[in-house]
N, C-alpha and C. Protein backbone atom coordinates (compact mmCIF):
# COMPACT_ATOMS: atom_id res chain seq x y z
N MET A 1 52.22 32.99 -28.53
CA MET A 1 51.31 31.84 -28.85
C MET A 1 51.81 30.49 -28.15
N ARG A 2 53.06 30.33 -27.97
CA ARG A 2 53.52 29.18 -27.24
C ARG A 2 52.90 29.12 -25.89
N VAL A 3 52.83 30.19 -25.13
CA VAL A 3 52.24 30.24 -23.79
C VAL A 3 50.76 29.86 -23.87
N ARG A 4 50.15 30.34 -24.84
CA ARG A 4 48.71 29.99 -24.99
C ARG A 4 48.43 28.47 -25.20
N GLU A 5 49.36 27.89 -25.98
CA GLU A 5 49.25 26.34 -26.19
C GLU A 5 49.47 25.69 -24.98
N VAL A 6 50.47 26.07 -24.12
CA VAL A 6 50.72 25.50 -22.94
C VAL A 6 49.57 25.49 -21.87
N ALA A 7 48.97 26.72 -21.91
CA ALA A 7 47.94 27.08 -21.04
C ALA A 7 46.76 26.18 -21.40
N LEU A 8 46.39 26.09 -22.67
CA LEU A 8 45.28 25.20 -22.99
C LEU A 8 45.54 23.73 -22.77
N GLY A 9 46.84 23.39 -23.02
CA GLY A 9 47.21 21.90 -22.76
C GLY A 9 47.05 21.61 -21.24
N ALA A 10 47.51 22.56 -20.36
CA ALA A 10 47.44 22.37 -18.99
C ALA A 10 45.98 22.33 -18.54
N SER A 11 45.13 23.10 -18.99
CA SER A 11 43.74 23.16 -18.64
C SER A 11 43.08 22.00 -19.15
N SER A 12 43.45 21.41 -20.20
CA SER A 12 42.92 20.22 -20.72
C SER A 12 43.26 19.06 -19.79
N VAL A 13 44.49 18.95 -19.36
CA VAL A 13 44.95 17.88 -18.46
C VAL A 13 44.19 18.05 -17.13
N LEU A 14 43.97 19.26 -16.71
CA LEU A 14 43.28 19.46 -15.38
C LEU A 14 41.76 19.11 -15.55
N ALA A 15 41.18 19.33 -16.65
CA ALA A 15 39.75 18.93 -16.86
C ALA A 15 39.56 17.48 -16.91
N ILE A 16 40.65 16.72 -17.56
CA ILE A 16 40.59 15.32 -17.67
C ILE A 16 40.82 14.71 -16.15
N ALA A 17 41.64 15.25 -15.46
CA ALA A 17 41.98 14.76 -14.14
C ALA A 17 40.75 14.98 -13.18
N ILE A 18 40.08 16.11 -13.30
CA ILE A 18 38.81 16.29 -12.58
C ILE A 18 37.73 15.35 -12.93
N ALA A 19 37.56 15.11 -14.22
CA ALA A 19 36.60 14.24 -14.65
C ALA A 19 36.88 12.76 -14.21
N ALA A 20 38.09 12.38 -14.33
CA ALA A 20 38.58 11.07 -13.71
C ALA A 20 38.23 10.84 -12.30
N CYS A 21 38.55 11.97 -11.51
CA CYS A 21 38.33 11.75 -10.13
C CYS A 21 36.82 11.79 -9.66
N ALA A 22 36.07 12.55 -10.51
CA ALA A 22 34.68 12.58 -10.26
C ALA A 22 34.04 11.14 -10.61
N CYS A 23 34.61 10.45 -11.55
CA CYS A 23 34.10 9.04 -11.92
C CYS A 23 34.67 7.97 -11.09
N SER A 24 35.63 8.21 -10.38
CA SER A 24 36.26 7.07 -9.69
C SER A 24 35.52 6.72 -8.34
N PRO A 25 35.59 5.57 -7.90
CA PRO A 25 34.84 5.06 -6.70
C PRO A 25 34.98 5.88 -5.47
N GLY A 26 36.19 6.47 -5.32
CA GLY A 26 36.35 7.15 -4.10
C GLY A 26 36.71 6.36 -2.96
N ASP A 27 36.53 6.81 -1.65
CA ASP A 27 36.85 6.30 -0.51
C ASP A 27 35.91 5.06 -0.14
N GLU A 28 36.47 3.88 -0.08
CA GLU A 28 35.53 2.68 0.15
C GLU A 28 34.89 2.74 1.46
N ALA A 29 35.28 3.45 2.48
CA ALA A 29 34.76 3.62 3.75
C ALA A 29 33.46 4.39 3.77
N GLU A 30 33.23 5.20 2.74
CA GLU A 30 32.10 6.02 2.50
C GLU A 30 30.88 5.26 2.43
N SER A 31 29.90 5.51 3.34
CA SER A 31 28.65 4.66 3.37
C SER A 31 27.70 5.16 2.34
N ARG A 32 26.92 4.27 1.84
CA ARG A 32 25.94 4.73 0.81
C ARG A 32 24.56 4.83 1.60
N ASP A 33 23.73 5.78 1.17
CA ASP A 33 22.41 5.94 1.78
C ASP A 33 21.48 4.84 1.51
N PRO A 34 21.19 4.00 2.54
CA PRO A 34 20.27 2.93 2.33
C PRO A 34 18.74 3.31 2.32
N SER A 35 18.38 4.55 2.46
CA SER A 35 17.02 5.00 2.45
C SER A 35 16.53 5.50 1.05
N VAL A 36 17.12 4.97 0.09
CA VAL A 36 16.66 5.35 -1.26
C VAL A 36 15.29 4.74 -1.56
N PHE A 37 14.46 5.42 -1.97
CA PHE A 37 13.09 4.96 -2.25
C PHE A 37 12.78 4.73 -3.76
N VAL A 38 12.47 3.49 -4.01
CA VAL A 38 12.18 3.21 -5.54
C VAL A 38 10.79 2.89 -5.62
N GLN A 39 10.12 3.53 -6.48
CA GLN A 39 8.66 3.37 -6.70
C GLN A 39 8.46 2.36 -7.86
N SER A 40 7.71 1.33 -7.53
CA SER A 40 7.43 0.25 -8.49
C SER A 40 6.46 0.74 -9.66
N THR A 41 6.79 0.28 -10.76
CA THR A 41 5.85 0.66 -11.80
C THR A 41 4.99 -0.62 -12.09
N GLN A 42 5.24 -1.73 -11.36
CA GLN A 42 4.48 -3.01 -11.47
C GLN A 42 3.59 -3.06 -10.17
N PHE A 43 2.41 -3.41 -10.30
CA PHE A 43 1.39 -3.45 -9.24
C PHE A 43 0.95 -4.88 -9.11
N ALA A 44 0.66 -5.34 -7.86
CA ALA A 44 0.19 -6.53 -7.51
C ALA A 44 -1.34 -6.64 -7.96
N PRO A 45 -1.73 -7.71 -8.32
CA PRO A 45 -3.25 -7.83 -8.77
C PRO A 45 -4.12 -7.83 -7.45
N PRO A 46 -5.20 -7.33 -7.55
CA PRO A 46 -6.19 -7.42 -6.36
C PRO A 46 -6.69 -8.91 -6.39
N PRO A 47 -7.31 -9.23 -5.18
CA PRO A 47 -7.98 -10.45 -5.12
C PRO A 47 -9.00 -10.65 -6.13
N ALA A 48 -9.35 -11.92 -6.60
CA ALA A 48 -10.51 -12.04 -7.37
C ALA A 48 -11.82 -11.66 -6.85
N PRO A 49 -12.87 -11.15 -7.49
CA PRO A 49 -14.14 -10.82 -6.94
C PRO A 49 -14.67 -12.04 -6.22
N ILE A 50 -15.36 -11.86 -5.05
CA ILE A 50 -15.95 -12.93 -4.33
C ILE A 50 -17.35 -12.85 -4.59
N THR A 51 -17.87 -13.85 -5.31
CA THR A 51 -19.25 -13.94 -5.70
C THR A 51 -20.01 -15.02 -5.01
N ASP A 52 -19.33 -15.87 -4.21
CA ASP A 52 -20.06 -16.99 -3.53
C ASP A 52 -21.14 -16.49 -2.63
N PRO A 53 -22.10 -17.48 -2.36
CA PRO A 53 -23.26 -16.99 -1.43
C PRO A 53 -22.75 -16.60 -0.11
N VAL A 54 -21.77 -17.46 0.44
CA VAL A 54 -21.21 -17.03 1.69
C VAL A 54 -19.67 -17.37 1.56
N PRO A 55 -18.88 -16.26 1.70
CA PRO A 55 -17.32 -16.41 1.32
C PRO A 55 -16.61 -17.16 2.45
N THR A 56 -15.53 -17.65 2.12
CA THR A 56 -14.72 -18.37 3.18
C THR A 56 -13.83 -17.31 3.94
N ALA A 57 -13.44 -17.86 5.10
CA ALA A 57 -12.57 -16.93 5.83
C ALA A 57 -11.28 -16.57 5.11
N GLU A 58 -10.71 -17.41 4.31
CA GLU A 58 -9.61 -17.14 3.55
C GLU A 58 -9.87 -16.14 2.47
N GLN A 59 -10.96 -16.19 1.78
CA GLN A 59 -11.51 -15.20 0.76
C GLN A 59 -11.54 -13.80 1.47
N LEU A 60 -12.04 -13.78 2.61
CA LEU A 60 -12.24 -12.35 3.35
C LEU A 60 -10.87 -11.96 3.80
N THR A 61 -9.99 -12.90 4.24
CA THR A 61 -8.74 -12.42 4.70
C THR A 61 -8.03 -11.72 3.50
N ALA A 62 -8.06 -12.39 2.36
CA ALA A 62 -7.33 -11.79 1.16
C ALA A 62 -8.01 -10.44 0.82
N LEU A 63 -9.30 -10.33 0.88
CA LEU A 63 -9.99 -9.05 0.51
C LEU A 63 -9.64 -8.00 1.49
N TYR A 64 -9.79 -8.33 2.80
CA TYR A 64 -9.53 -7.24 3.92
C TYR A 64 -8.02 -6.72 3.73
N ASN A 65 -7.14 -7.69 3.68
CA ASN A 65 -5.64 -7.34 3.65
C ASN A 65 -5.33 -6.45 2.40
N ALA A 66 -6.03 -6.84 1.29
CA ALA A 66 -5.75 -6.01 -0.02
C ALA A 66 -6.18 -4.66 0.20
N THR A 67 -7.15 -4.29 0.99
CA THR A 67 -7.61 -2.97 1.15
C THR A 67 -6.56 -2.06 1.65
N THR A 68 -5.60 -2.54 2.34
CA THR A 68 -4.46 -1.75 2.92
C THR A 68 -3.10 -1.97 2.25
N ASN A 69 -3.13 -2.71 1.23
CA ASN A 69 -1.88 -3.17 0.59
C ASN A 69 -1.52 -2.20 -0.60
N TYR A 70 -0.51 -1.33 -0.37
CA TYR A 70 -0.18 -0.25 -1.25
C TYR A 70 0.48 -0.78 -2.49
N SER A 71 0.79 -2.07 -2.68
CA SER A 71 1.32 -2.70 -3.79
C SER A 71 0.28 -2.86 -4.79
N ILE A 72 -1.05 -2.73 -4.44
CA ILE A 72 -2.21 -2.93 -5.30
C ILE A 72 -2.66 -1.48 -5.66
N ARG A 73 -2.94 -1.17 -6.86
CA ARG A 73 -3.41 0.18 -7.35
C ARG A 73 -4.66 0.68 -6.42
N GLU A 74 -4.65 1.90 -6.23
CA GLU A 74 -5.77 2.50 -5.49
C GLU A 74 -7.17 2.26 -6.09
N GLU A 75 -7.21 2.29 -7.34
CA GLU A 75 -8.51 2.05 -8.09
C GLU A 75 -8.91 0.65 -7.84
N ASP A 76 -8.03 -0.33 -7.79
CA ASP A 76 -8.43 -1.71 -7.47
C ASP A 76 -8.85 -1.82 -5.96
N ARG A 77 -8.11 -1.12 -5.15
CA ARG A 77 -8.47 -1.22 -3.66
C ARG A 77 -9.81 -0.64 -3.45
N ALA A 78 -10.18 0.45 -4.19
CA ALA A 78 -11.38 1.15 -4.04
C ALA A 78 -12.63 0.18 -4.46
N ARG A 79 -12.30 -0.65 -5.40
CA ARG A 79 -13.36 -1.67 -5.80
C ARG A 79 -13.67 -2.71 -4.67
N LEU A 80 -12.80 -2.76 -3.78
CA LEU A 80 -13.09 -3.82 -2.58
C LEU A 80 -13.86 -3.15 -1.50
N LEU A 81 -14.09 -1.97 -1.68
CA LEU A 81 -14.96 -1.25 -0.57
C LEU A 81 -16.42 -1.08 -1.02
N GLU A 82 -17.22 -1.09 -0.13
CA GLU A 82 -18.75 -0.95 -0.54
C GLU A 82 -18.93 0.52 -1.02
N GLY A 83 -19.67 0.53 -2.16
CA GLY A 83 -20.02 1.86 -2.83
C GLY A 83 -19.39 2.02 -4.11
N PRO A 84 -19.83 3.06 -4.93
CA PRO A 84 -19.30 3.30 -6.21
C PRO A 84 -17.83 3.57 -6.13
N SER A 85 -17.05 3.07 -7.08
CA SER A 85 -15.57 3.30 -7.08
C SER A 85 -15.12 4.78 -7.03
N ASP A 86 -15.85 5.65 -7.75
CA ASP A 86 -15.51 7.06 -7.86
C ASP A 86 -15.59 7.69 -6.41
N GLN A 87 -16.50 7.12 -5.59
CA GLN A 87 -16.82 7.65 -4.29
C GLN A 87 -15.76 7.00 -3.20
N THR A 88 -15.42 5.82 -3.54
CA THR A 88 -14.56 5.17 -2.63
C THR A 88 -13.08 5.31 -2.76
N LEU A 89 -12.76 5.89 -3.92
CA LEU A 89 -11.28 6.07 -4.19
C LEU A 89 -10.60 6.90 -3.05
N PRO A 90 -11.10 8.04 -2.66
CA PRO A 90 -10.48 8.75 -1.56
C PRO A 90 -10.48 8.00 -0.23
N ILE A 91 -11.59 7.25 0.05
CA ILE A 91 -11.61 6.38 1.20
C ILE A 91 -10.53 5.41 1.11
N ALA A 92 -10.38 4.71 0.01
CA ALA A 92 -9.23 3.69 -0.15
C ALA A 92 -7.90 4.30 0.06
N ARG A 93 -7.64 5.42 -0.52
CA ARG A 93 -6.33 6.19 -0.37
C ARG A 93 -6.06 6.45 1.24
N ALA A 94 -7.18 6.94 1.97
CA ALA A 94 -6.94 7.27 3.27
C ALA A 94 -6.69 5.99 4.14
N TRP A 95 -7.56 4.89 3.83
CA TRP A 95 -7.53 3.63 4.57
C TRP A 95 -6.19 2.96 4.34
N GLY A 96 -5.79 3.02 3.19
CA GLY A 96 -4.38 2.33 2.91
C GLY A 96 -3.20 3.03 3.50
N ALA A 97 -3.33 4.37 3.79
CA ALA A 97 -2.36 5.21 4.29
C ALA A 97 -2.05 5.09 5.65
N GLN A 98 -2.46 4.10 6.49
CA GLN A 98 -2.30 3.97 7.85
C GLN A 98 -0.89 3.59 7.99
N PRO A 99 -0.23 4.22 9.11
CA PRO A 99 1.20 4.06 9.27
C PRO A 99 1.65 2.65 9.46
N SER A 100 0.91 1.83 10.19
CA SER A 100 1.31 0.38 10.22
C SER A 100 -0.01 -0.36 10.31
N PRO A 101 -0.36 -0.62 8.89
CA PRO A 101 -1.56 -1.44 8.85
C PRO A 101 -1.44 -2.75 9.35
N GLN A 102 -2.52 -3.23 10.02
CA GLN A 102 -2.54 -4.49 10.62
C GLN A 102 -2.85 -5.68 9.54
N TYR A 103 -2.33 -6.85 9.81
CA TYR A 103 -2.70 -8.03 8.90
C TYR A 103 -3.68 -8.80 9.73
N ILE A 104 -4.79 -9.12 9.12
CA ILE A 104 -5.81 -9.75 9.77
C ILE A 104 -6.02 -11.18 9.13
N GLN A 105 -6.29 -12.16 9.91
CA GLN A 105 -6.38 -13.55 9.50
C GLN A 105 -7.79 -13.96 10.04
N PHE A 106 -8.85 -13.98 9.12
CA PHE A 106 -10.22 -14.38 9.65
C PHE A 106 -10.24 -15.88 9.89
N THR A 107 -11.01 -16.35 10.84
CA THR A 107 -11.20 -17.78 11.21
C THR A 107 -12.65 -18.12 11.10
N THR A 108 -13.51 -17.16 11.24
CA THR A 108 -15.02 -17.43 11.36
C THR A 108 -15.72 -16.47 10.52
N VAL A 109 -16.72 -16.97 9.86
CA VAL A 109 -17.64 -16.13 8.93
C VAL A 109 -19.11 -16.44 9.57
N GLU A 110 -19.73 -15.31 9.70
CA GLU A 110 -21.17 -15.53 10.23
C GLU A 110 -22.15 -14.65 9.43
N PRO A 111 -23.11 -15.27 8.73
CA PRO A 111 -24.17 -14.43 8.17
C PRO A 111 -24.96 -13.80 9.22
N VAL A 112 -25.23 -12.51 9.04
CA VAL A 112 -26.01 -11.68 10.04
C VAL A 112 -27.23 -10.96 9.34
N GLY A 113 -27.53 -11.29 8.13
CA GLY A 113 -28.69 -10.67 7.49
C GLY A 113 -28.56 -10.90 5.99
N PRO A 114 -29.55 -10.28 5.20
CA PRO A 114 -29.41 -10.52 3.83
C PRO A 114 -28.22 -9.70 3.32
N ASP A 115 -27.42 -10.31 2.56
CA ASP A 115 -26.16 -9.75 1.95
C ASP A 115 -25.26 -9.09 3.05
N MET A 116 -25.18 -9.53 4.18
CA MET A 116 -24.25 -9.14 5.26
C MET A 116 -23.78 -10.21 6.01
N ILE A 117 -22.49 -10.20 6.28
CA ILE A 117 -21.82 -11.11 7.12
C ILE A 117 -20.76 -10.48 8.04
N ASN A 118 -20.42 -11.09 9.11
CA ASN A 118 -19.41 -10.72 10.00
C ASN A 118 -18.25 -11.62 10.03
N ALA A 119 -17.08 -11.19 10.10
CA ALA A 119 -15.92 -12.03 10.18
C ALA A 119 -15.12 -11.73 11.41
N THR A 120 -14.60 -12.73 12.05
CA THR A 120 -13.77 -12.63 13.25
C THR A 120 -12.52 -13.42 13.01
N GLY A 121 -11.43 -13.03 13.72
CA GLY A 121 -10.13 -13.74 13.64
C GLY A 121 -9.13 -13.11 14.56
N GLN A 122 -7.94 -13.14 13.97
CA GLN A 122 -6.74 -12.52 14.77
C GLN A 122 -6.10 -11.46 13.91
N GLY A 123 -5.71 -10.45 14.58
CA GLY A 123 -4.97 -9.29 14.07
C GLY A 123 -3.44 -9.48 14.38
N HIS A 124 -2.74 -9.05 13.45
CA HIS A 124 -1.27 -9.16 13.58
C HIS A 124 -0.74 -7.73 13.30
N LEU A 125 0.06 -7.22 14.25
CA LEU A 125 0.70 -5.89 14.03
C LEU A 125 2.11 -5.87 14.52
N GLU A 126 3.04 -5.73 13.53
CA GLU A 126 4.51 -5.69 13.82
C GLU A 126 4.97 -6.71 14.78
N ARG A 127 5.53 -6.38 15.89
CA ARG A 127 6.07 -7.31 16.86
C ARG A 127 5.16 -7.64 18.05
N MET A 128 3.78 -7.32 17.88
CA MET A 128 2.81 -7.48 18.97
C MET A 128 2.37 -8.94 18.87
N ALA A 129 1.89 -9.48 19.95
CA ALA A 129 1.24 -10.83 20.02
C ALA A 129 -0.07 -10.78 19.12
N PRO A 130 -0.39 -11.92 18.54
CA PRO A 130 -1.70 -11.74 17.89
C PRO A 130 -2.91 -11.44 18.82
N TYR A 131 -3.87 -10.75 18.39
CA TYR A 131 -4.92 -10.38 19.23
C TYR A 131 -6.17 -10.52 18.47
N PRO A 132 -7.37 -10.72 19.15
CA PRO A 132 -8.65 -10.95 18.51
C PRO A 132 -9.22 -9.73 17.74
N VAL A 133 -9.83 -9.98 16.73
CA VAL A 133 -10.35 -8.84 15.96
C VAL A 133 -11.79 -9.41 15.53
N GLY A 134 -12.69 -8.33 15.40
CA GLY A 134 -14.10 -8.64 14.84
C GLY A 134 -15.07 -8.36 15.91
N PRO A 135 -16.32 -8.50 15.53
CA PRO A 135 -16.65 -8.83 14.05
C PRO A 135 -16.47 -7.59 13.17
N ILE A 136 -16.02 -7.89 11.99
CA ILE A 136 -15.77 -6.93 10.95
C ILE A 136 -16.86 -7.25 9.86
N PRO A 137 -17.60 -6.28 9.58
CA PRO A 137 -18.75 -6.53 8.69
C PRO A 137 -18.33 -6.38 7.00
N PHE A 138 -18.97 -7.33 6.27
CA PHE A 138 -18.80 -7.22 4.92
C PHE A 138 -20.20 -7.27 4.28
N VAL A 139 -20.42 -6.60 3.09
CA VAL A 139 -21.68 -6.58 2.53
C VAL A 139 -21.55 -6.97 1.07
N ARG A 140 -22.70 -7.54 0.57
CA ARG A 140 -22.72 -7.92 -0.80
C ARG A 140 -23.34 -6.74 -1.61
N SER A 141 -22.55 -6.39 -2.62
CA SER A 141 -22.97 -5.22 -3.38
C SER A 141 -22.71 -5.53 -4.82
N ASP A 142 -23.70 -5.29 -5.79
CA ASP A 142 -23.39 -5.66 -7.19
C ASP A 142 -23.03 -7.16 -7.28
N SER A 143 -23.49 -8.02 -6.52
CA SER A 143 -23.15 -9.46 -6.62
C SER A 143 -21.73 -9.83 -6.06
N GLU A 144 -21.03 -8.83 -5.52
CA GLU A 144 -19.70 -9.08 -4.94
C GLU A 144 -19.64 -8.79 -3.47
N TRP A 145 -18.77 -9.45 -2.67
CA TRP A 145 -18.60 -9.20 -1.39
C TRP A 145 -17.55 -8.13 -1.24
N LYS A 146 -17.74 -7.08 -0.36
CA LYS A 146 -16.92 -5.97 -0.22
C LYS A 146 -16.87 -5.68 1.34
N LEU A 147 -15.69 -4.98 1.68
CA LEU A 147 -15.61 -4.53 3.07
C LEU A 147 -16.62 -3.38 3.31
N SER A 148 -17.27 -3.31 4.45
CA SER A 148 -18.37 -2.30 4.81
C SER A 148 -17.73 -0.95 4.76
N ARG A 149 -18.51 0.01 4.11
CA ARG A 149 -18.01 1.41 4.07
C ARG A 149 -18.24 1.95 5.50
N ALA A 150 -19.22 1.60 6.10
CA ALA A 150 -19.45 2.03 7.50
C ALA A 150 -18.27 1.67 8.49
N PHE A 151 -17.86 0.41 8.16
CA PHE A 151 -16.70 0.05 9.09
C PHE A 151 -15.43 0.87 8.85
N VAL A 152 -15.15 1.02 7.54
CA VAL A 152 -13.87 1.75 7.14
C VAL A 152 -14.04 3.20 7.70
N CYS A 153 -15.21 3.82 7.35
CA CYS A 153 -15.38 5.22 7.65
C CYS A 153 -15.33 5.31 9.32
N GLY A 154 -15.78 4.37 9.99
CA GLY A 154 -15.53 4.37 11.45
C GLY A 154 -14.15 4.39 11.85
N GLY A 155 -13.32 3.68 11.17
CA GLY A 155 -11.90 3.61 11.45
C GLY A 155 -11.18 4.95 11.06
N LEU A 156 -11.74 5.57 10.10
CA LEU A 156 -11.10 6.80 9.55
C LEU A 156 -11.63 8.00 10.28
N PHE A 157 -12.55 7.96 11.05
CA PHE A 157 -13.31 9.12 11.75
C PHE A 157 -12.34 10.09 12.34
N LEU A 158 -11.32 9.61 13.10
CA LEU A 158 -10.44 10.64 13.70
C LEU A 158 -9.25 11.21 12.74
N VAL A 159 -8.93 10.39 11.82
CA VAL A 159 -7.73 10.74 11.06
C VAL A 159 -8.05 11.36 9.68
N ALA A 160 -9.24 10.94 9.06
CA ALA A 160 -9.61 11.50 7.82
C ALA A 160 -11.22 11.57 7.75
N PRO A 161 -11.81 12.29 8.55
CA PRO A 161 -13.33 12.24 8.43
C PRO A 161 -13.95 12.83 7.19
N GLN A 162 -13.24 13.68 6.49
CA GLN A 162 -13.66 14.40 5.30
C GLN A 162 -13.84 13.42 4.14
N VAL A 163 -13.15 12.31 4.10
CA VAL A 163 -13.36 11.41 2.88
C VAL A 163 -14.65 10.60 3.02
N CYS A 164 -15.29 10.56 4.05
CA CYS A 164 -16.55 9.71 4.17
C CYS A 164 -17.89 10.51 4.14
N ASP A 165 -17.65 11.82 3.86
CA ASP A 165 -18.89 12.70 3.84
C ASP A 165 -19.91 12.31 2.88
């Protein structure tokens, strides 16, 4: 019996030692993986609907850039595109999934027809110098200005043509 108690005591001490080592910080030289991905449960709000007769360049800048902003819910980004939201959801998903979406800053807004405008400005992409962009078409649908479906689908033609069928 005495041997059994010693064996149990030794195994208890060993288990405590293993647990203590597992919980200790270990070697300080060990690097931690900086590529941990944390998905937010908080989403940024989409821009307010634009109902002005002719939107400003700043309003269109916010609208366009929100269409590729993954911190905004897909459903909200889909509402920024021309067409019913249930049909634009897959388009918004593909449009926002660009590997390096450009940031556009519009400077000029030009009416081109009833409920249609074109915007021009500068594009910014990572470390490139700013470059001219436009005209980019926007349409008025259900009393709100939205990014043209035809424009977005033209941009997705090579990477995701099935979403615009």
